[in-house]
Amino acid sequence: QVQLVESGGGLVQAGGSLRLSCAASDWISRFNAMGWYRQAPGKQRDVVATITSGGYTNYADSVKGRFTISRDNAKNTLYLQMSSLRPEDTAVYYCHGQSYYKEDYWGQGTQVTVSS
């Protein structure tokens, strides 16, 4: 079973930038799609951005223009570049991958806190 491990979270000031990484234990080319999700305190887990094996990306309206999702198949790593961060971006960010067999894999999450 593939493992996903997030890193790069932390405390940043509003307006700052941060890059999250998700390292996979297997070839990420085996995933049909990957994405980043986040869960703020008292809120449900929502999709932030997704990317297909073909490179098609999709973003939540709240982050479009500020966040960029990308993947490096050679490094088996998924990234989320975040800029112009806002306090409302504060959440635990989770890496997700879906195989061609429709199996879902989740990382354990990394905390992102944006202060005013």
PDB file of N, CA and C in Angstrom:
ATOM      1  N   GLN A   1       0.843  -1.178   0.000  1.00  0.00           N
ATOM      2  CA  GLN A   1       0.000   0.000   0.000  1.00  0.00           C
ATOM      3  C   GLN A   1       0.886   1.239   0.000  1.00  0.00           C
ATOM      4  N   VAL A   2       0.564   2.183  -0.862  1.00  0.00           N
ATOM      5  CA  VAL A   2       1.343   3.402  -0.964  1.00  0.00           C
ATOM      6  C   VAL A   2       1.114   4.269   0.266  1.00  0.00           C
ATOM      7  N   GLN A   3       2.175   4.925   0.715  1.00  0.00           N
ATOM      8  CA  GLN A   3       2.087   5.860   1.826  1.00  0.00           C
ATOM      9  C   GLN A   3       2.331   7.271   1.321  1.00  0.00           C
ATOM     10  N   LEU A   4       1.586   8.221   1.874  1.00  0.00           N
ATOM     11  CA  LEU A   4       1.724   9.626   1.528  1.00  0.00           C
ATOM     12  C   LEU A   4       2.102  10.392   2.788  1.00  0.00           C
ATOM     13  N   VAL A   5       3.153  11.183   2.705  1.00  0.00           N
ATOM     14  CA  VAL A   5       3.637  11.929   3.856  1.00  0.00           C
ATOM     15  C   VAL A   5       3.776  13.397   3.497  1.00  0.00           C
ATOM     16  N   GLU A   6       3.004  14.244   4.182  1.00  0.00           N
ATOM     17  CA  GLU A   6       3.048  15.676   3.938  1.00  0.00           C
ATOM     18  C   GLU A   6       4.141  16.338   4.770  1.00  0.00           C
ATOM     19  N   SER A   7       4.632  17.456   4.270  1.00  0.00           N
ATOM     20  CA  SER A   7       5.597  18.262   4.998  1.00  0.00           C
ATOM     21  C   SER A   7       5.515  19.695   4.489  1.00  0.00           C
ATOM     22  N   GLY A   8       6.110  20.609   5.226  1.00  0.00           N
ATOM     23  CA  GLY A   8       6.166  21.990   4.795  1.00  0.00           C
ATOM     24  C   GLY A   8       5.213  22.925   5.505  1.00  0.00           C
ATOM     25  N   GLY A   9       4.356  22.389   6.357  1.00  0.00           N
ATOM     26  CA  GLY A   9       3.435  23.235   7.083  1.00  0.00           C
ATOM     27  C   GLY A   9       4.149  24.035   8.153  1.00  0.00           C
ATOM     28  N   GLY A  10       3.436  25.000   8.712  1.00  0.00           N
ATOM     29  CA  GLY A  10       4.021  25.823   9.752  1.00  0.00           C
ATOM     30  C   GLY A  10       3.228  27.085   9.976  1.00  0.00           C
ATOM     31  N   LEU A  11       3.832  28.007  10.694  1.00  0.00           N
ATOM     32  CA  LEU A  11       3.215  29.291  11.012  1.00  0.00           C
ATOM     33  C   LEU A  11       3.769  30.367  10.099  1.00  0.00           C
ATOM     34  N   VAL A  12       2.880  31.073   9.419  1.00  0.00           N
ATOM     35  CA  VAL A  12       3.290  32.157   8.531  1.00  0.00           C
ATOM     36  C   VAL A  12       2.407  33.369   8.767  1.00  0.00           C
ATOM     37  N   GLN A  13       2.907  34.531   8.392  1.00  0.00           N
ATOM     38  CA  GLN A  13       2.135  35.757   8.502  1.00  0.00           C
ATOM     39  C   GLN A  13       1.225  35.923   7.296  1.00  0.00           C
ATOM     40  N   ALA A  14       0.120  36.614   7.495  1.00  0.00           N
ATOM     41  CA  ALA A  14      -0.788  36.904   6.389  1.00  0.00           C
ATOM     42  C   ALA A  14      -0.016  37.587   5.266  1.00  0.00           C
ATOM     43  N   GLY A  15      -0.295  37.158   4.042  1.00  0.00           N
ATOM     44  CA  GLY A  15       0.400  37.697   2.895  1.00  0.00           C
ATOM     45  C   GLY A  15       1.639  36.922   2.521  1.00  0.00           C
ATOM     46  N   GLY A  16       2.044  36.004   3.371  1.00  0.00           N
ATOM     47  CA  GLY A  16       3.230  35.218   3.123  1.00  0.00           C
ATOM     48  C   GLY A  16       2.987  34.036   2.213  1.00  0.00           C
ATOM     49  N   SER A  17       4.049  33.272   1.986  1.00  0.00           N
ATOM     50  CA  SER A  17       3.988  32.114   1.102  1.00  0.00           C
ATOM     51  C   SER A  17       4.514  30.874   1.806  1.00  0.00           C
ATOM     52  N   LEU A  18       4.078  29.733   1.313  1.00  0.00           N
ATOM     53  CA  LEU A  18       4.492  28.463   1.877  1.00  0.00           C
ATOM     54  C   LEU A  18       4.335  27.392   0.808  1.00  0.00           C
ATOM     55  N   ARG A  19       5.233  26.420   0.784  1.00  0.00           N
ATOM     56  CA  ARG A  19       5.111  25.305  -0.145  1.00  0.00           C
ATOM     57  C   ARG A  19       4.991  24.001   0.619  1.00  0.00           C
ATOM     58  N   LEU A  20       3.924  23.289   0.353  1.00  0.00           N
ATOM     59  CA  LEU A  20       3.702  21.989   0.954  1.00  0.00           C
ATOM     60  C   LEU A  20       4.181  20.901   0.006  1.00  0.00           C
ATOM     61  N   SER A  21       4.707  19.831   0.570  1.00  0.00           N
ATOM     62  CA  SER A  21       5.157  18.699  -0.217  1.00  0.00           C
ATOM     63  C   SER A  21       4.480  17.432   0.271  1.00  0.00           C
ATOM     64  N   CYS A  22       4.268  16.511  -0.630  1.00  0.00           N
ATOM     65  CA  CYS A  22       3.694  15.212  -0.306  1.00  0.00           C
ATOM     66  C   CYS A  22       4.550  14.161  -0.976  1.00  0.00           C
ATOM     67  N   ALA A  23       5.289  13.416  -0.176  1.00  0.00           N
ATOM     68  CA  ALA A  23       6.167  12.382  -0.699  1.00  0.00           C
ATOM     69  C   ALA A  23       5.453  11.037  -0.685  1.00  0.00           C
ATOM     70  N   ALA A  24       5.476  10.354  -1.809  1.00  0.00           N
ATOM     71  CA  ALA A  24       4.825   9.058  -1.936  1.00  0.00           C
ATOM     72  C   ALA A  24       5.855   7.943  -1.889  1.00  0.00           C
ATOM     73  N   SER A  25       5.453   6.819  -1.329  1.00  0.00           N
ATOM     74  CA  SER A  25       6.346   5.673  -1.222  1.00  0.00           C
ATOM     75  C   SER A  25       6.386   4.844  -2.496  1.00  0.00           C
ATOM     76  N   ASP A  26       5.547   5.171  -3.453  1.00  0.00           N
ATOM     77  CA  ASP A  26       5.477   4.466  -4.714  1.00  0.00           C
ATOM     78  C   ASP A  26       5.402   5.479  -5.840  1.00  0.00           C
ATOM     79  N   TRP A  27       5.483   5.012  -7.066  1.00  0.00           N
ATOM     80  CA  TRP A  27       5.426   5.892  -8.218  1.00  0.00           C
ATOM     81  C   TRP A  27       4.080   6.600  -8.279  1.00  0.00           C
ATOM     82  N   ILE A  28       4.106   7.943  -8.258  1.00  0.00           N
ATOM     83  CA  ILE A  28       2.843   8.672  -8.292  1.00  0.00           C
ATOM     84  C   ILE A  28       2.197   8.608  -9.669  1.00  0.00           C
ATOM     85  N   SER A  29       2.940   8.119 -10.653  1.00  0.00           N
ATOM     86  CA  SER A  29       2.349   7.917 -11.967  1.00  0.00           C
ATOM     87  C   SER A  29       1.275   6.839 -11.930  1.00  0.00           C
ATOM     88  N   ARG A  30       1.251   6.065 -10.851  1.00  0.00           N
ATOM     89  CA  ARG A  30       0.238   5.033 -10.688  1.00  0.00           C
ATOM     90  C   ARG A  30      -1.094   5.603 -10.199  1.00  0.00           C
ATOM     91  N   PHE A  31      -1.091   6.883  -9.809  1.00  0.00           N
ATOM     92  CA  PHE A  31      -2.324   7.554  -9.391  1.00  0.00           C
ATOM     93  C   PHE A  31      -3.002   8.183 -10.594  1.00  0.00           C
ATOM     94  N   ASN A  32      -4.302   7.998 -10.691  1.00  0.00           N
ATOM     95  CA  ASN A  32      -5.068   8.660 -11.731  1.00  0.00           C
ATOM     96  C   ASN A  32      -5.186  10.152 -11.436  1.00  0.00           C
ATOM     97  N   ALA A  33      -5.292  10.476 -10.154  1.00  0.00           N
ATOM     98  CA  ALA A  33      -5.402  11.863  -9.745  1.00  0.00           C
ATOM     99  C   ALA A  33      -4.857  12.032  -8.339  1.00  0.00           C
ATOM    100  N   MET A  34      -4.360  13.216  -8.047  1.00  0.00           N
ATOM    101  CA  MET A  34      -3.896  13.547  -6.715  1.00  0.00           C
ATOM    102  C   MET A  34      -4.443  14.921  -6.352  1.00  0.00           C
ATOM    103  N   GLY A  35      -4.426  15.220  -5.072  1.00  0.00           N
ATOM    104  CA  GLY A  35      -4.951  16.509  -4.666  1.00  0.00           C
ATOM    105  C   GLY A  35      -4.596  16.885  -3.250  1.00  0.00           C
ATOM    106  N   TRP A  36      -4.923  18.114  -2.927  1.00  0.00           N
ATOM    107  CA  TRP A  36      -4.769  18.638  -1.584  1.00  0.00           C
ATOM    108  C   TRP A  36      -6.138  18.998  -1.038  1.00  0.00           C
ATOM    109  N   TYR A  37      -6.386  18.603   0.192  1.00  0.00           N
ATOM    110  CA  TYR A  37      -7.609  18.914   0.892  1.00  0.00           C
ATOM    111  C   TYR A  37      -7.239  19.588   2.205  1.00  0.00           C
ATOM    112  N   ARG A  38      -8.175  20.318   2.782  1.00  0.00           N
ATOM    113  CA  ARG A  38      -7.894  20.951   4.057  1.00  0.00           C
ATOM    114  C   ARG A  38      -9.118  20.907   4.960  1.00  0.00           C
ATOM    115  N   GLN A  39      -8.843  20.920   6.248  1.00  0.00           N
ATOM    116  CA  GLN A  39      -9.902  20.902   7.238  1.00  0.00           C
ATOM    117  C   GLN A  39      -9.575  21.909   8.328  1.00  0.00           C
ATOM    118  N   ALA A  40     -10.398  22.932   8.425  1.00  0.00           N
ATOM    119  CA  ALA A  40     -10.248  23.948   9.451  1.00  0.00           C
ATOM    120  C   ALA A  40     -11.027  23.525  10.690  1.00  0.00           C
ATOM    121  N   PRO A  41     -10.697  24.085  11.845  1.00  0.00           N
ATOM    122  CA  PRO A  41     -11.418  23.732  13.066  1.00  0.00           C
ATOM    123  C   PRO A  41     -12.919  23.948  12.920  1.00  0.00           C
ATOM    124  N   GLY A  42     -13.693  22.929  13.256  1.00  0.00           N
ATOM    125  CA  GLY A  42     -15.138  23.027  13.171  1.00  0.00           C
ATOM    126  C   GLY A  42     -15.702  22.931  11.774  1.00  0.00           C
ATOM    127  N   LYS A  43     -14.865  22.669  10.785  1.00  0.00           N
ATOM    128  CA  LYS A  43     -15.308  22.583   9.403  1.00  0.00           C
ATOM    129  C   LYS A  43     -15.068  21.186   8.828  1.00  0.00           C
ATOM    130  N   GLN A  44     -15.743  20.896   7.722  1.00  0.00           N
ATOM    131  CA  GLN A  44     -15.546  19.634   7.036  1.00  0.00           C
ATOM    132  C   GLN A  44     -14.283  19.700   6.195  1.00  0.00           C
ATOM    133  N   ARG A  45     -13.815  18.546   5.755  1.00  0.00           N
ATOM    134  CA  ARG A  45     -12.647  18.494   4.896  1.00  0.00           C
ATOM    135  C   ARG A  45     -13.061  18.841   3.477  1.00  0.00           C
ATOM    136  N   ASP A  46     -12.450  19.871   2.920  1.00  0.00           N
ATOM    137  CA  ASP A  46     -12.797  20.346   1.590  1.00  0.00           C
ATOM    138  C   ASP A  46     -11.619  20.246   0.641  1.00  0.00           C
ATOM    139  N   VAL A  47     -11.936  20.068  -0.630  1.00  0.00           N
ATOM    140  CA  VAL A  47     -10.889  20.007  -1.646  1.00  0.00           C
ATOM    141  C   VAL A  47     -10.298  21.393  -1.858  1.00  0.00           C
ATOM    142  N   VAL A  48      -9.000  21.448  -2.005  1.00  0.00           N
ATOM    143  CA  VAL A  48      -8.292  22.689  -2.281  1.00  0.00           C
ATOM    144  C   VAL A  48      -7.887  22.736  -3.746  1.00  0.00           C
ATOM    145  N   ALA A  49      -7.256  21.671  -4.207  1.00  0.00           N
ATOM    146  CA  ALA A  49      -6.792  21.587  -5.585  1.00  0.00           C
ATOM    147  C   ALA A  49      -6.559  20.141  -5.958  1.00  0.00           C
ATOM    148  N   THR A  50      -6.758  19.826  -7.230  1.00  0.00           N
ATOM    149  CA  THR A  50      -6.508  18.481  -7.730  1.00  0.00           C
ATOM    150  C   THR A  50      -5.725  18.559  -9.033  1.00  0.00           C
ATOM    151  N   ILE A  51      -5.052  17.464  -9.344  1.00  0.00           N
ATOM    152  CA  ILE A  51      -4.313  17.366 -10.597  1.00  0.00           C
ATOM    153  C   ILE A  51      -4.394  15.930 -11.093  1.00  0.00           C
ATOM    154  N   THR A  52      -4.696  15.762 -12.369  1.00  0.00           N
ATOM    155  CA  THR A  52      -4.795  14.436 -12.957  1.00  0.00           C
ATOM    156  C   THR A  52      -3.437  13.982 -13.454  1.00  0.00           C
ATOM    157  N   SER A  53      -3.353  12.709 -13.831  1.00  0.00           N
ATOM    158  CA  SER A  53      -2.105  12.178 -14.364  1.00  0.00           C
ATOM    159  C   SER A  53      -1.700  12.893 -15.646  1.00  0.00           C
ATOM    160  N   GLY A  54      -2.687  13.458 -16.334  1.00  0.00           N
ATOM    161  CA  GLY A  54      -2.420  14.198 -17.552  1.00  0.00           C
ATOM    162  C   GLY A  54      -2.070  15.656 -17.326  1.00  0.00           C
ATOM    163  N   GLY A  55      -2.100  16.088 -16.062  1.00  0.00           N
ATOM    164  CA  GLY A  55      -1.714  17.450 -15.738  1.00  0.00           C
ATOM    165  C   GLY A  55      -2.850  18.448 -15.633  1.00  0.00           C
ATOM    166  N   TYR A  56      -4.082  17.999 -15.799  1.00  0.00           N
ATOM    167  CA  TYR A  56      -5.218  18.899 -15.664  1.00  0.00           C
ATOM    168  C   TYR A  56      -5.404  19.274 -14.206  1.00  0.00           C
ATOM    169  N   THR A  57      -5.556  20.563 -13.929  1.00  0.00           N
ATOM    170  CA  THR A  57      -5.702  21.045 -12.563  1.00  0.00           C
ATOM    171  C   THR A  57      -7.054  21.685 -12.336  1.00  0.00           C
ATOM    172  N   ASN A  58      -7.482  21.647 -11.091  1.00  0.00           N
ATOM    173  CA  ASN A  58      -8.728  22.263 -10.685  1.00  0.00           C
ATOM    174  C   ASN A  58      -8.531  22.836  -9.290  1.00  0.00           C
ATOM    175  N   TYR A  59      -9.093  24.021  -9.050  1.00  0.00           N
ATOM    176  CA  TYR A  59      -8.916  24.703  -7.776  1.00  0.00           C
ATOM    177  C   TYR A  59     -10.231  25.138  -7.171  1.00  0.00           C
ATOM    178  N   ALA A  60     -10.267  25.149  -5.854  1.00  0.00           N
ATOM    179  CA  ALA A  60     -11.390  25.732  -5.159  1.00  0.00           C
ATOM    180  C   ALA A  60     -11.390  27.234  -5.419  1.00  0.00           C
ATOM    181  N   ASP A  61     -12.573  27.823  -5.510  1.00  0.00           N
ATOM    182  CA  ASP A  61     -12.667  29.251  -5.795  1.00  0.00           C
ATOM    183  C   ASP A  61     -11.906  30.098  -4.774  1.00  0.00           C
ATOM    184  N   SER A  62     -11.877  29.648  -3.543  1.00  0.00           N
ATOM    185  CA  SER A  62     -11.250  30.418  -2.484  1.00  0.00           C
ATOM    186  C   SER A  62      -9.734  30.518  -2.608  1.00  0.00           C
ATOM    187  N   VAL A  63      -9.123  29.632  -3.398  1.00  0.00           N
ATOM    188  CA  VAL A  63      -7.666  29.636  -3.514  1.00  0.00           C
ATOM    189  C   VAL A  63      -7.173  29.909  -4.923  1.00  0.00           C
ATOM    190  N   LYS A  64      -8.070  29.925  -5.881  1.00  0.00           N
ATOM    191  CA  LYS A  64      -7.663  30.126  -7.269  1.00  0.00           C
ATOM    192  C   LYS A  64      -6.943  31.459  -7.433  1.00  0.00           C
ATOM    193  N   GLY A  65      -5.802  31.410  -8.097  1.00  0.00           N
ATOM    194  CA  GLY A  65      -4.997  32.597  -8.286  1.00  0.00           C
ATOM    195  C   GLY A  65      -3.949  32.784  -7.216  1.00  0.00           C
ATOM    196  N   ARG A  66      -4.083  32.056  -6.120  1.00  0.00           N
ATOM    197  CA  ARG A  66      -3.133  32.159  -5.015  1.00  0.00           C
ATOM    198  C   ARG A  66      -2.332  30.879  -4.815  1.00  0.00           C
ATOM    199  N   PHE A  67      -2.957  29.738  -5.070  1.00  0.00           N
ATOM    200  CA  PHE A  67      -2.312  28.437  -4.875  1.00  0.00           C
ATOM    201  C   PHE A  67      -2.034  27.779  -6.219  1.00  0.00           C
ATOM    202  N   THR A  68      -0.982  26.985  -6.266  1.00  0.00           N
ATOM    203  CA  THR A  68      -0.646  26.225  -7.463  1.00  0.00           C
ATOM    204  C   THR A  68      -0.290  24.799  -7.077  1.00  0.00           C
ATOM    205  N   ILE A  69      -0.975  23.836  -7.686  1.00  0.00           N
ATOM    206  CA  ILE A  69      -0.678  22.435  -7.449  1.00  0.00           C
ATOM    207  C   ILE A  69       0.196  21.912  -8.584  1.00  0.00           C
ATOM    208  N   SER A  70       1.144  21.061  -8.250  1.00  0.00           N
ATOM    209  CA  SER A  70       2.010  20.479  -9.258  1.00  0.00           C
ATOM    210  C   SER A  70       2.505  19.124  -8.772  1.00  0.00           C
ATOM    211  N   ARG A  71       3.046  18.340  -9.688  1.00  0.00           N
ATOM    212  CA  ARG A  71       3.586  17.040  -9.324  1.00  0.00           C
ATOM    213  C   ARG A  71       4.881  16.807 -10.075  1.00  0.00           C
ATOM    214  N   ASP A  72       5.793  16.099  -9.432  1.00  0.00           N
ATOM    215  CA  ASP A  72       7.061  15.737 -10.030  1.00  0.00           C
ATOM    216  C   ASP A  72       7.123  14.215 -10.006  1.00  0.00           C
ATOM    217  N   ASN A  73       6.814  13.595 -11.124  1.00  0.00           N
ATOM    218  CA  ASN A  73       6.771  12.138 -11.182  1.00  0.00           C
ATOM    219  C   ASN A  73       8.130  11.499 -10.890  1.00  0.00           C
ATOM    220  N   ALA A  74       9.203  12.152 -11.313  1.00  0.00           N
ATOM    221  CA  ALA A  74      10.536  11.615 -11.087  1.00  0.00           C
ATOM    222  C   ALA A  74      10.873  11.556  -9.605  1.00  0.00           C
ATOM    223  N   LYS A  75      10.354  12.514  -8.836  1.00  0.00           N
ATOM    224  CA  LYS A  75      10.603  12.557  -7.401  1.00  0.00           C
ATOM    225  C   LYS A  75       9.464  11.950  -6.595  1.00  0.00           C
ATOM    226  N   ASN A  76       8.421  11.497  -7.281  1.00  0.00           N
ATOM    227  CA  ASN A  76       7.249  10.926  -6.617  1.00  0.00           C
ATOM    228  C   ASN A  76       6.705  11.872  -5.550  1.00  0.00           C
ATOM    229  N   THR A  77       6.593  13.131  -5.913  1.00  0.00           N
ATOM    230  CA  THR A  77       6.198  14.160  -4.963  1.00  0.00           C
ATOM    231  C   THR A  77       5.140  15.084  -5.543  1.00  0.00           C
ATOM    232  N   LEU A  78       4.158  15.399  -4.728  1.00  0.00           N
ATOM    233  CA  LEU A  78       3.107  16.354  -5.046  1.00  0.00           C
ATOM    234  C   LEU A  78       3.381  17.627  -4.261  1.00  0.00           C
ATOM    235  N   TYR A  79       3.144  18.772  -4.880  1.00  0.00           N
ATOM    236  CA  TYR A  79       3.398  20.053  -4.231  1.00  0.00           C
ATOM    237  C   TYR A  79       2.153  20.938  -4.223  1.00  0.00           C
ATOM    238  N   LEU A  80       2.115  21.837  -3.257  1.00  0.00           N
ATOM    239  CA  LEU A  80       1.120  22.894  -3.236  1.00  0.00           C
ATOM    240  C   LEU A  80       1.844  24.180  -2.869  1.00  0.00           C
ATOM    241  N   GLN A  81       2.008  25.056  -3.851  1.00  0.00           N
ATOM    242  CA  GLN A  81       2.617  26.351  -3.610  1.00  0.00           C
ATOM    243  C   GLN A  81       1.518  27.321  -3.221  1.00  0.00           C
ATOM    244  N   MET A  82       1.632  27.905  -2.041  1.00  0.00           N
ATOM    245  CA  MET A  82       0.628  28.817  -1.523  1.00  0.00           C
ATOM    246  C   MET A  82       1.231  30.207  -1.373  1.00  0.00           C
ATOM    247  N   SER A  83       0.526  31.204  -1.861  1.00  0.00           N
ATOM    248  CA  SER A  83       0.960  32.583  -1.738  1.00  0.00           C
ATOM    249  C   SER A  83      -0.220  33.439  -1.304  1.00  0.00           C
ATOM    250  N   SER A  84       0.085  34.671  -0.907  1.00  0.00           N
ATOM    251  CA  SER A  84      -0.948  35.596  -0.430  1.00  0.00           C
ATOM    252  C   SER A  84      -1.840  34.927   0.607  1.00  0.00           C
ATOM    253  N   LEU A  85      -1.211  34.260   1.537  1.00  0.00           N
ATOM    254  CA  LEU A  85      -1.954  33.501   2.536  1.00  0.00           C
ATOM    255  C   LEU A  85      -2.792  34.407   3.435  1.00  0.00           C
ATOM    256  N   ARG A  86      -3.938  33.896   3.804  1.00  0.00           N
ATOM    257  CA  ARG A  86      -4.887  34.603   4.649  1.00  0.00           C
ATOM    258  C   ARG A  86      -5.158  33.796   5.904  1.00  0.00           C
ATOM    259  N   PRO A  87      -5.575  34.447   6.986  1.00  0.00           N
ATOM    260  CA  PRO A  87      -5.896  33.705   8.208  1.00  0.00           C
ATOM    261  C   PRO A  87      -6.916  32.599   7.976  1.00  0.00           C
ATOM    262  N   GLU A  88      -7.848  32.805   7.058  1.00  0.00           N
ATOM    263  CA  GLU A  88      -8.852  31.795   6.775  1.00  0.00           C
ATOM    264  C   GLU A  88      -8.291  30.568   6.057  1.00  0.00           C
ATOM    265  N   ASP A  89      -7.029  30.621   5.636  1.00  0.00           N
ATOM    266  CA  ASP A  89      -6.378  29.460   5.057  1.00  0.00           C
ATOM    267  C   ASP A  89      -5.879  28.504   6.134  1.00  0.00           C
ATOM    268  N   THR A  90      -5.947  28.929   7.376  1.00  0.00           N
ATOM    269  CA  THR A  90      -5.496  28.100   8.484  1.00  0.00           C
ATOM    270  C   THR A  90      -6.284  26.798   8.525  1.00  0.00           C
ATOM    271  N   ALA A  91      -5.572  25.686   8.492  1.00  0.00           N
ATOM    272  CA  ALA A  91      -6.206  24.372   8.468  1.00  0.00           C
ATOM    273  C   ALA A  91      -5.137  23.293   8.475  1.00  0.00           C
ATOM    274  N   VAL A  92      -5.584  22.066   8.656  1.00  0.00           N
ATOM    275  CA  VAL A  92      -4.715  20.925   8.425  1.00  0.00           C
ATOM    276  C   VAL A  92      -4.863  20.556   6.959  1.00  0.00           C
ATOM    277  N   TYR A  93      -3.758  20.476   6.257  1.00  0.00           N
ATOM    278  CA  TYR A  93      -3.764  20.167   4.836  1.00  0.00           C
ATOM    279  C   TYR A  93      -3.388  18.708   4.615  1.00  0.00           C
ATOM    280  N   TYR A  94      -4.202  18.018   3.827  1.00  0.00           N
ATOM    281  CA  TYR A  94      -4.018  16.597   3.583  1.00  0.00           C
ATOM    282  C   TYR A  94      -3.718  16.311   2.127  1.00  0.00           C
ATOM    283  N   CYS A  95      -2.786  15.425   1.905  1.00  0.00           N
ATOM    284  CA  CYS A  95      -2.465  14.940   0.572  1.00  0.00           C
ATOM    285  C   CYS A  95      -3.360  13.748   0.252  1.00  0.00           C
ATOM    286  N   HIS A  96      -3.822  13.662  -0.984  1.00  0.00           N
ATOM    287  CA  HIS A  96      -4.710  12.583  -1.400  1.00  0.00           C
ATOM    288  C   HIS A  96      -4.307  12.050  -2.771  1.00  0.00           C
ATOM    289  N   GLY A  97      -4.446  10.760  -2.924  1.00  0.00           N
ATOM    290  CA  GLY A  97      -4.208  10.149  -4.220  1.00  0.00           C
ATOM    291  C   GLY A  97      -5.258   9.106  -4.504  1.00  0.00           C
ATOM    292  N   GLN A  98      -5.684   9.014  -5.753  1.00  0.00           N
ATOM    293  CA  GLN A  98      -6.647   8.004  -6.164  1.00  0.00           C
ATOM    294  C   GLN A  98      -6.037   7.187  -7.289  1.00  0.00           C
ATOM    295  N   SER A  99      -6.015   5.876  -7.099  1.00  0.00           N
ATOM    296  CA  SER A  99      -5.448   4.990  -8.106  1.00  0.00           C
ATOM    297  C   SER A  99      -6.437   4.761  -9.227  1.00  0.00           C
ATOM    298  N   TYR A 100      -5.963   4.130 -10.279  1.00  0.00           N
ATOM    299  CA  TYR A 100      -6.834   3.793 -11.403  1.00  0.00           C
ATOM    300  C   TYR A 100      -7.857   2.738 -11.020  1.00  0.00           C
ATOM    301  N   TYR A 101      -7.649   2.104  -9.881  1.00  0.00           N
ATOM    302  CA  TYR A 101      -8.590   1.128  -9.353  1.00  0.00           C
ATOM    303  C   TYR A 101      -9.590   1.782  -8.404  1.00  0.00           C
ATOM    304  N   LYS A 102      -9.598   3.120  -8.354  1.00  0.00           N
ATOM    305  CA  LYS A 102     -10.503   3.904  -7.517  1.00  0.00           C
ATOM    306  C   LYS A 102     -10.232   3.704  -6.032  1.00  0.00           C
ATOM    307  N   GLU A 103      -9.007   3.404  -5.696  1.00  0.00           N
ATOM    308  CA  GLU A 103      -8.604   3.297  -4.309  1.00  0.00           C
ATOM    309  C   GLU A 103      -8.113   4.661  -3.832  1.00  0.00           C
ATOM    310  N   ASP A 104      -8.492   5.035  -2.628  1.00  0.00           N
ATOM    311  CA  ASP A 104      -8.119   6.330  -2.072  1.00  0.00           C
ATOM    312  C   ASP A 104      -7.030   6.192  -1.016  1.00  0.00           C
ATOM    313  N   TYR A 105      -6.053   7.075  -1.097  1.00  0.00           N
ATOM    314  CA  TYR A 105      -4.956   7.102  -0.141  1.00  0.00           C
ATOM    315  C   TYR A 105      -4.834   8.501   0.433  1.00  0.00           C
ATOM    316  N   TRP A 106      -4.596   8.568   1.736  1.00  0.00           N
ATOM    317  CA  TRP A 106      -4.506   9.844   2.439  1.00  0.00           C
ATOM    318  C   TRP A 106      -3.247   9.931   3.276  1.00  0.00           C
ATOM    319  N   GLY A 107      -2.677  11.123   3.324  1.00  0.00           N
ATOM    320  CA  GLY A 107      -1.600  11.383   4.249  1.00  0.00           C
ATOM    321  C   GLY A 107      -2.186  11.734   5.600  1.00  0.00           C
ATOM    322  N   GLN A 108      -1.328  11.947   6.589  1.00  0.00           N
ATOM    323  CA  GLN A 108      -1.791  12.253   7.932  1.00  0.00           C
ATOM    324  C   GLN A 108      -2.017  13.736   8.171  1.00  0.00           C
ATOM    325  N   GLY A 109      -1.619  14.567   7.236  1.00  0.00           N
ATOM    326  CA  GLY A 109      -1.872  15.985   7.321  1.00  0.00           C
ATOM    327  C   GLY A 109      -0.718  16.794   7.872  1.00  0.00           C
ATOM    328  N   THR A 110      -0.683  18.057   7.493  1.00  0.00           N
ATOM    329  CA  THR A 110       0.299  18.996   8.013  1.00  0.00           C
ATOM    330  C   THR A 110      -0.411  20.303   8.339  1.00  0.00           C
ATOM    331  N   GLN A 111      -0.095  20.869   9.494  1.00  0.00           N
ATOM    332  CA  GLN A 111      -0.781  22.061   9.973  1.00  0.00           C
ATOM    333  C   GLN A 111      -0.223  23.321   9.316  1.00  0.00           C
ATOM    334  N   VAL A 112      -1.127  24.147   8.814  1.00  0.00           N
ATOM    335  CA  VAL A 112      -0.776  25.464   8.286  1.00  0.00           C
ATOM    336  C   VAL A 112      -1.543  26.496   9.106  1.00  0.00           C
ATOM    337  N   THR A 113      -0.814  27.408   9.717  1.00  0.00           N
ATOM    338  CA  THR A 113      -1.432  28.457  10.515  1.00  0.00           C
ATOM    339  C   THR A 113      -0.992  29.810   9.974  1.00  0.00           C
ATOM    340  N   VAL A 114      -1.958  30.646   9.641  1.00  0.00           N
ATOM    341  CA  VAL A 114      -1.681  31.971   9.095  1.00  0.00           C
ATOM    342  C   VAL A 114      -2.126  33.013  10.116  1.00  0.00           C
ATOM    343  N   SER A 115      -1.202  33.813  10.581  1.00  0.00           N
ATOM    344  CA  SER A 115      -1.494  34.828  11.578  1.00  0.00           C
ATOM    345  C   SER A 115      -1.677  36.193  10.931  1.00  0.00           C
ATOM    346  N   SER A 116      -2.446  37.049  11.607  1.00  0.00           N
ATOM    347  CA  SER A 116      -2.689  38.398  11.110  1.00  0.00           C
ATOM    348  C   SER A 116      -1.546  39.322  11.461  1.00  0.00           C
TER     349      SER A 116
END
